Amino acid sequence: MKKWFAALAGVLLTFTLAACSSKTVATTSGGKITESQYYDSMKKTTSGKQVLQQMILDKILEGKYGDKVTDKAVNKEYNKYKKQYGSSFSAVLAQNGMTASAFKKSIRSNLLLRQAVIANTKITNADLKKQWKSYEPTITVAQILVSKKEDADAIIEELKKDGSWDNFKKLAKEKSIDESTKNDGGKLPSFNNMDTSLDSDFKKAAFALKQGEFSQEPVKTSYGYHVIYSIKNPGKGKMADHTKELKDQIIDEKLNDSTALQKIIAKEFKEGNVNIKDSDLKDVLSDYISSSSSSSSK
């Protein structure tokens, strides 16, 4: 399964499949390189074929779902990443060979694909009930990380005397070995049940805490022993109050399911009336549609 969300960064900036000509791309002491030569070379590479696949998919999805993806939605996602990386955002883009405009284009591609998944997914009440079983609201917690269980036990004893958020922050700055969070009182970015970056035992313990509570027992992970404080936990509530969130989570899970996504992309290709004009690229979509249906659509 191709990584449709971010894989084409560097190549996408320079490679276009427009009408090729003898226009010079570069000159050297040994001669010039033309657009046609560049195109002929690129189309034979895996990267070149992936770019064409992405461009075809983007055109199809733009035609079907373009009116559902606004500039406001793209900018919202863009600003989310910008906030997450802070002052290092520009450096992160540069390291991935991307400009701000190219990244926004990639975000738009992601959102278009999400609309395709929505259009091709029927969510039943049974699906909502199933998702509800694993659903947890977005919470914010802080942690104190230490290497020994006895150190975590001692911190918990201190918190039993004064379990305030102010005291927890003070202890985090003094005791935590997590250099990335200790100076902010151990505070972590907010997360819900869809998070895949945190240890499952850590998440289970964090979700179990009510707002203002702290761990009564150390939570062991591969990093050491954690004492967790619940800064914000709105509670799970009733399923009827979270229908939209549940639907969003179902769609997000499908976007991360390579088998399901492959079927949807194949369907969009088949319905997209794709006509490959270059005989060397006639099988460029064979990863997604069978050779027989591919031939007939071409």
Protein backbone atom coordinates (compact mmCIF):
# COMPACT_ATOMS: atom_id res chain seq x y z
CA MET A 1 0.00 0.00 0.00
CA LYS A 2 1.43 3.35 -1.01
CA LYS A 3 1.82 6.00 1.67
CA TRP A 4 -0.59 8.49 0.15
CA PHE A 5 -0.40 10.99 3.00
CA ALA A 6 3.19 12.21 2.88
CA ALA A 7 5.44 10.03 0.77
CA LEU A 8 5.91 12.24 -2.25
CA ALA A 9 7.43 15.31 -0.62
CA GLY A 10 10.64 15.98 -2.52
CA VAL A 11 9.70 14.52 -5.89
CA LEU A 12 6.32 16.24 -5.92
CA LEU A 13 7.96 19.64 -5.83
CA THR A 14 9.85 19.23 -9.08
CA PHE A 15 8.26 16.49 -11.16
CA THR A 16 5.20 17.27 -13.27
CA LEU A 17 3.63 15.21 -15.98
CA ALA A 18 2.69 18.09 -18.24
CA ALA A 19 3.21 18.04 -21.99
CA CYS A 20 6.92 17.30 -22.38
CA SER A 21 9.06 19.16 -24.86
CA SER A 22 12.62 19.98 -25.77
CA LYS A 23 12.66 22.78 -23.19
CA THR A 24 15.92 22.68 -21.26
CA VAL A 25 15.78 21.64 -17.63
CA ALA A 26 19.54 21.91 -16.99
CA THR A 27 22.76 22.55 -18.86
CA THR A 28 26.17 21.01 -18.20
CA SER A 29 29.61 21.08 -19.74
CA GLY A 30 28.66 17.79 -21.37
CA GLY A 31 25.39 19.00 -22.83
CA LYS A 32 21.82 19.85 -21.84
CA ILE A 33 19.00 17.89 -20.23
CA THR A 34 15.55 18.46 -21.72
CA GLU A 35 12.08 18.01 -20.25
CA SER A 36 11.54 15.00 -22.50
CA GLN A 37 14.72 13.34 -21.29
CA TYR A 38 13.83 14.07 -17.69
CA TYR A 39 10.31 12.73 -18.15
CA ASP A 40 11.50 9.56 -19.92
CA SER A 41 13.91 8.91 -17.08
CA MET A 42 11.50 9.68 -14.23
CA LYS A 43 8.58 7.66 -15.55
CA LYS A 44 10.65 4.49 -15.29
CA THR A 45 11.31 4.98 -11.58
CA THR A 46 9.13 3.92 -8.66
CA SER A 47 9.03 7.51 -7.41
CA GLY A 48 7.89 8.79 -10.80
CA LYS A 49 5.09 6.23 -10.98
CA GLN A 50 3.97 7.06 -7.45
CA VAL A 51 3.78 10.72 -8.38
CA LEU A 52 1.58 9.91 -11.37
CA GLN A 53 -0.66 7.70 -9.22
CA GLN A 54 -1.03 10.52 -6.72
CA MET A 55 -1.71 13.11 -9.42
CA ILE A 56 -4.38 10.91 -11.02
CA LEU A 57 -6.02 10.26 -7.66
CA ASP A 58 -5.93 13.96 -6.76
CA LYS A 59 -7.61 14.90 -10.05
CA ILE A 60 -10.35 12.31 -9.56
CA LEU A 61 -11.00 13.25 -5.94
CA GLU A 62 -10.83 16.97 -6.64
CA GLY A 63 -13.54 16.56 -9.26
CA LYS A 64 -15.79 14.55 -6.92
CA TYR A 65 -15.12 16.05 -3.51
CA GLY A 66 -13.29 19.33 -4.09
CA ASP A 67 -16.24 21.43 -2.97
CA LYS A 68 -16.18 19.65 0.41
CA VAL A 69 -12.58 20.63 1.22
CA THR A 70 -12.27 24.36 1.90
CA ASP A 71 -9.15 26.49 2.19
CA LYS A 72 -10.23 27.11 5.78
CA ALA A 73 -10.07 23.37 6.53
CA VAL A 74 -6.62 23.08 4.93
CA ASN A 75 -5.30 26.07 6.86
CA LYS A 76 -6.72 24.67 10.10
CA GLU A 77 -4.75 21.44 9.65
CA TYR A 78 -1.66 23.36 8.57
CA ASN A 79 -1.80 25.59 11.65
CA LYS A 80 -2.24 22.54 13.88
CA TYR A 81 1.10 21.15 12.68
CA LYS A 82 2.69 24.60 12.84
CA LYS A 83 1.64 24.95 16.47
CA GLN A 84 2.79 21.42 17.30
CA TYR A 85 6.34 22.01 16.00
CA GLY A 86 6.57 25.65 17.07
CA SER A 87 9.78 27.42 16.16
CA SER A 88 11.19 24.27 14.52
CA PHE A 89 8.32 23.99 12.00
CA SER A 90 10.24 25.59 9.10
CA ALA A 91 13.22 23.35 9.79
CA VAL A 92 11.01 20.24 9.81
CA LEU A 93 9.54 21.23 6.43
CA ALA A 94 13.02 21.81 5.02
CA GLN A 95 14.27 18.46 6.34
CA ASN A 96 11.43 16.76 4.45
CA GLY A 97 12.14 18.71 1.27
CA MET A 98 8.87 20.61 1.45
CA THR A 99 7.73 24.21 1.22
CA ALA A 100 4.68 25.58 3.04
CA SER A 101 2.63 25.52 -0.18
CA ALA A 102 3.65 21.94 -0.96
CA PHE A 103 2.70 20.85 2.55
CA LYS A 104 -0.70 22.51 2.19
CA LYS A 105 -1.14 20.66 -1.10
CA SER A 106 -0.36 17.40 0.69
CA ILE A 107 -2.88 18.28 3.41
CA ARG A 108 -5.52 18.95 0.76
CA SER A 109 -4.81 15.53 -0.77
CA ASN A 110 -5.29 13.95 2.65
CA LEU A 111 -8.60 15.74 3.22
CA LEU A 112 -9.86 14.79 -0.25
CA LEU A 113 -9.04 11.15 0.45
CA ARG A 114 -10.86 11.43 3.77
CA GLN A 115 -13.95 12.65 1.92
CA ALA A 116 -13.69 9.63 -0.38
CA VAL A 117 -13.60 7.33 2.67
CA ILE A 118 -16.64 9.11 4.13
CA ALA A 119 -18.53 8.75 0.84
CA ASN A 120 -17.70 5.04 0.65
CA THR A 121 -18.44 4.17 4.29
CA LYS A 122 -21.87 3.38 5.67
CA ILE A 123 -21.84 3.77 9.45
CA THR A 124 -24.56 1.84 11.26
CA ASN A 125 -25.77 2.10 14.84
CA ALA A 126 -23.99 -1.18 15.51
CA ASP A 127 -20.75 0.43 14.30
CA LEU A 128 -21.28 3.34 16.68
CA LYS A 129 -21.93 1.00 19.61
CA LYS A 130 -18.78 -0.96 18.82
CA GLN A 131 -16.69 2.23 18.65
CA TRP A 132 -18.25 3.45 21.90
CA LYS A 133 -16.75 0.51 23.77
CA SER A 134 -13.23 1.81 23.15
CA TYR A 135 -14.11 5.50 23.15
CA GLU A 136 -12.45 7.81 25.66
CA PRO A 137 -12.77 11.61 25.67
CA THR A 138 -9.84 13.92 25.01
CA ILE A 139 -7.99 14.38 28.29
CA THR A 140 -4.98 16.31 29.51
CA VAL A 141 -2.60 14.83 32.06
CA ALA A 142 0.81 15.44 33.57
CA GLN A 143 3.37 12.89 34.64
CA ILE A 144 6.37 12.50 36.88
CA LEU A 145 8.74 9.90 35.46
CA VAL A 146 11.35 8.18 37.64
CA SER A 147 13.55 5.14 37.11
CA LYS A 148 12.78 3.28 40.36
CA LYS A 149 9.46 2.12 41.81
CA GLU A 150 10.42 3.21 45.32
CA ASP A 151 10.96 6.75 44.05
CA ALA A 152 7.49 6.76 42.50
CA ASP A 153 6.02 5.39 45.75
CA ALA A 154 7.68 8.20 47.71
CA ILE A 155 6.23 10.83 45.33
CA ILE A 156 2.75 9.35 45.74
CA GLU A 157 3.11 9.56 49.52
CA GLU A 158 4.00 13.24 49.20
CA LEU A 159 0.98 13.81 46.97
CA LYS A 160 -1.28 12.15 49.54
CA LYS A 161 -0.30 14.97 51.89
CA ASP A 162 -0.85 17.66 49.25
CA GLY A 163 -2.45 16.46 46.02
CA SER A 164 -2.84 19.89 44.47
CA TRP A 165 -1.83 20.65 40.91
CA ASP A 166 0.64 23.25 42.19
CA ASN A 167 2.38 20.66 44.35
CA PHE A 168 2.44 18.13 41.50
CA LYS A 169 4.12 20.70 39.22
CA LYS A 170 6.67 21.43 41.93
CA LEU A 171 7.47 17.73 42.37
CA ALA A 172 7.69 17.19 38.61
CA LYS A 173 10.32 19.91 38.28
CA GLU A 174 12.28 18.44 41.20
CA LYS A 175 11.92 14.69 40.63
CA SER A 176 11.01 13.85 37.01
CA ILE A 177 13.71 12.49 34.69
CA ASP A 178 11.68 13.44 31.62
CA GLU A 179 13.58 16.51 30.48
CA SER A 180 11.02 17.34 27.80
CA THR A 181 8.10 17.79 30.23
CA LYS A 182 9.44 18.40 33.74
CA ASN A 183 9.82 22.18 33.38
CA ASP A 184 6.16 22.43 32.39
CA GLY A 185 5.06 20.45 35.43
CA GLY A 186 5.11 17.19 33.49
CA LYS A 187 2.21 18.27 31.28
CA LEU A 188 1.65 16.18 28.11
CA PRO A 189 -0.23 17.07 24.91
CA SER A 190 -3.94 16.20 25.10
CA PHE A 191 -4.98 12.79 23.74
CA ASN A 192 -7.92 10.40 23.42
CA ASN A 193 -8.39 6.69 22.73
CA MET A 194 -7.14 7.11 19.14
CA ASP A 195 -3.64 8.04 20.28
CA THR A 196 -0.97 5.57 19.16
CA SER A 197 2.11 7.28 20.57
CA LEU A 198 1.59 6.56 24.27
CA ASP A 199 2.04 3.27 26.10
CA SER A 200 -1.26 1.38 26.45
CA ASP A 201 -0.83 0.89 30.21
CA PHE A 202 -0.14 4.60 30.62
CA LYS A 203 -3.29 5.50 28.67
CA LYS A 204 -5.45 3.04 30.62
CA ALA A 205 -4.29 4.50 33.92
CA ALA A 206 -4.73 8.08 32.68
CA PHE A 207 -8.29 7.51 31.44
CA ALA A 208 -9.22 5.93 34.79
CA LEU A 209 -8.38 9.09 36.73
CA LYS A 210 -11.04 11.69 37.38
CA GLN A 211 -10.11 15.33 36.97
CA GLY A 212 -7.87 16.43 39.85
CA GLU A 213 -6.89 12.88 40.84
CA PHE A 214 -3.40 11.35 40.76
CA SER A 215 -2.08 7.79 40.49
CA GLN A 216 -2.37 5.77 43.68
CA GLU A 217 0.10 3.21 42.29
CA PRO A 218 3.09 3.76 39.98
CA VAL A 219 2.44 3.01 36.31
CA LYS A 220 5.25 0.95 34.79
CA THR A 221 6.23 1.36 31.12
CA SER A 222 9.43 0.77 29.16
CA TYR A 223 10.50 4.30 30.15
CA GLY A 224 10.32 3.72 33.91
CA TYR A 225 7.69 4.44 36.55
CA HIS A 226 5.09 7.17 36.09
CA VAL A 227 2.95 9.09 38.54
CA ILE A 228 0.05 10.64 36.60
CA TYR A 229 -2.08 13.67 37.45
CA SER A 230 -5.38 14.33 35.65
CA ILE A 231 -5.55 18.00 34.69
CA LYS A 232 -8.67 17.75 32.53
CA ASN A 233 -11.07 14.85 32.06
CA PRO A 234 -14.64 15.70 31.00
CA GLY A 235 -15.79 12.10 31.51
CA LYS A 236 -17.11 9.67 28.93
CA GLY A 237 -20.75 10.75 29.22
CA LYS A 238 -23.47 9.26 27.00
CA MET A 239 -23.01 7.77 23.55
CA ALA A 240 -25.71 10.03 22.08
CA ASP A 241 -23.61 13.07 22.98
CA HIS A 242 -20.60 11.86 20.99
CA THR A 243 -22.08 10.62 17.71
CA LYS A 244 -19.96 12.94 15.57
CA GLU A 245 -16.75 12.04 17.39
CA LEU A 246 -17.52 8.33 17.04
CA LYS A 247 -18.14 8.71 13.31
CA ASP A 248 -14.90 10.65 12.94
CA GLN A 249 -13.00 7.92 14.78
CA ILE A 250 -14.49 5.21 12.55
CA ILE A 251 -13.40 7.16 9.46
CA ASP A 252 -9.93 7.74 10.94
CA GLU A 253 -9.54 4.03 11.63
CA LYS A 254 -10.50 3.23 8.05
CA LEU A 255 -7.93 5.74 6.79
CA ASN A 256 -5.30 3.79 8.73
CA ASP A 257 -6.54 0.42 7.47
CA SER A 258 -4.46 -0.26 4.36
CA THR A 259 -6.78 -3.00 3.08
CA ALA A 260 -9.92 -0.87 3.38
CA LEU A 261 -8.17 2.16 1.91
CA GLN A 262 -6.84 0.18 -1.03
CA LYS A 263 -10.38 -0.93 -1.93
CA ILE A 264 -11.69 2.63 -1.81
CA ILE A 265 -8.82 3.99 -3.92
CA ALA A 266 -9.31 1.17 -6.44
CA LYS A 267 -13.02 2.03 -6.65
CA GLU A 268 -12.24 5.71 -7.23
CA PHE A 269 -9.75 4.82 -9.97
CA LYS A 270 -12.28 2.56 -11.68
CA GLU A 271 -14.96 5.25 -11.58
CA GLY A 272 -12.52 7.99 -12.60
CA ASN A 273 -12.51 7.22 -16.35
CA VAL A 274 -8.69 7.14 -16.39
CA ASN A 275 -7.08 7.02 -19.82
CA ILE A 276 -3.31 6.51 -19.78
CA LYS A 277 -1.86 7.99 -22.98
CA ASP A 278 1.73 6.84 -22.47
CA SER A 279 2.08 3.13 -23.31
CA ASP A 280 5.08 2.83 -20.98
CA LEU A 281 2.80 3.76 -18.07
CA LYS A 282 -0.24 1.67 -19.04
CA ASP A 283 0.10 -0.49 -15.91
CA VAL A 284 0.72 2.37 -13.48
CA LEU A 285 -2.54 1.64 -11.64
CA SER A 286 -2.14 -2.14 -11.57
CA ASP A 287 -1.49 -2.10 -7.82
CA TYR A 288 -5.06 -0.92 -7.35
CA ILE A 289 -7.14 -2.41 -10.12
CA SER A 290 -6.96 -5.79 -11.83
CA SER A 291 -5.26 -5.99 -15.19
CA SER A 292 -8.53 -6.89 -16.91
CA SER A 293 -10.51 -3.95 -15.54
CA SER A 294 -7.47 -1.76 -16.03
CA SER A 295 -7.33 -2.61 -19.72
CA SER A 296 -11.01 -1.95 -20.27
CA SER A 297 -10.89 1.42 -18.49
CA LYS A 298 -7.95 2.48 -20.56
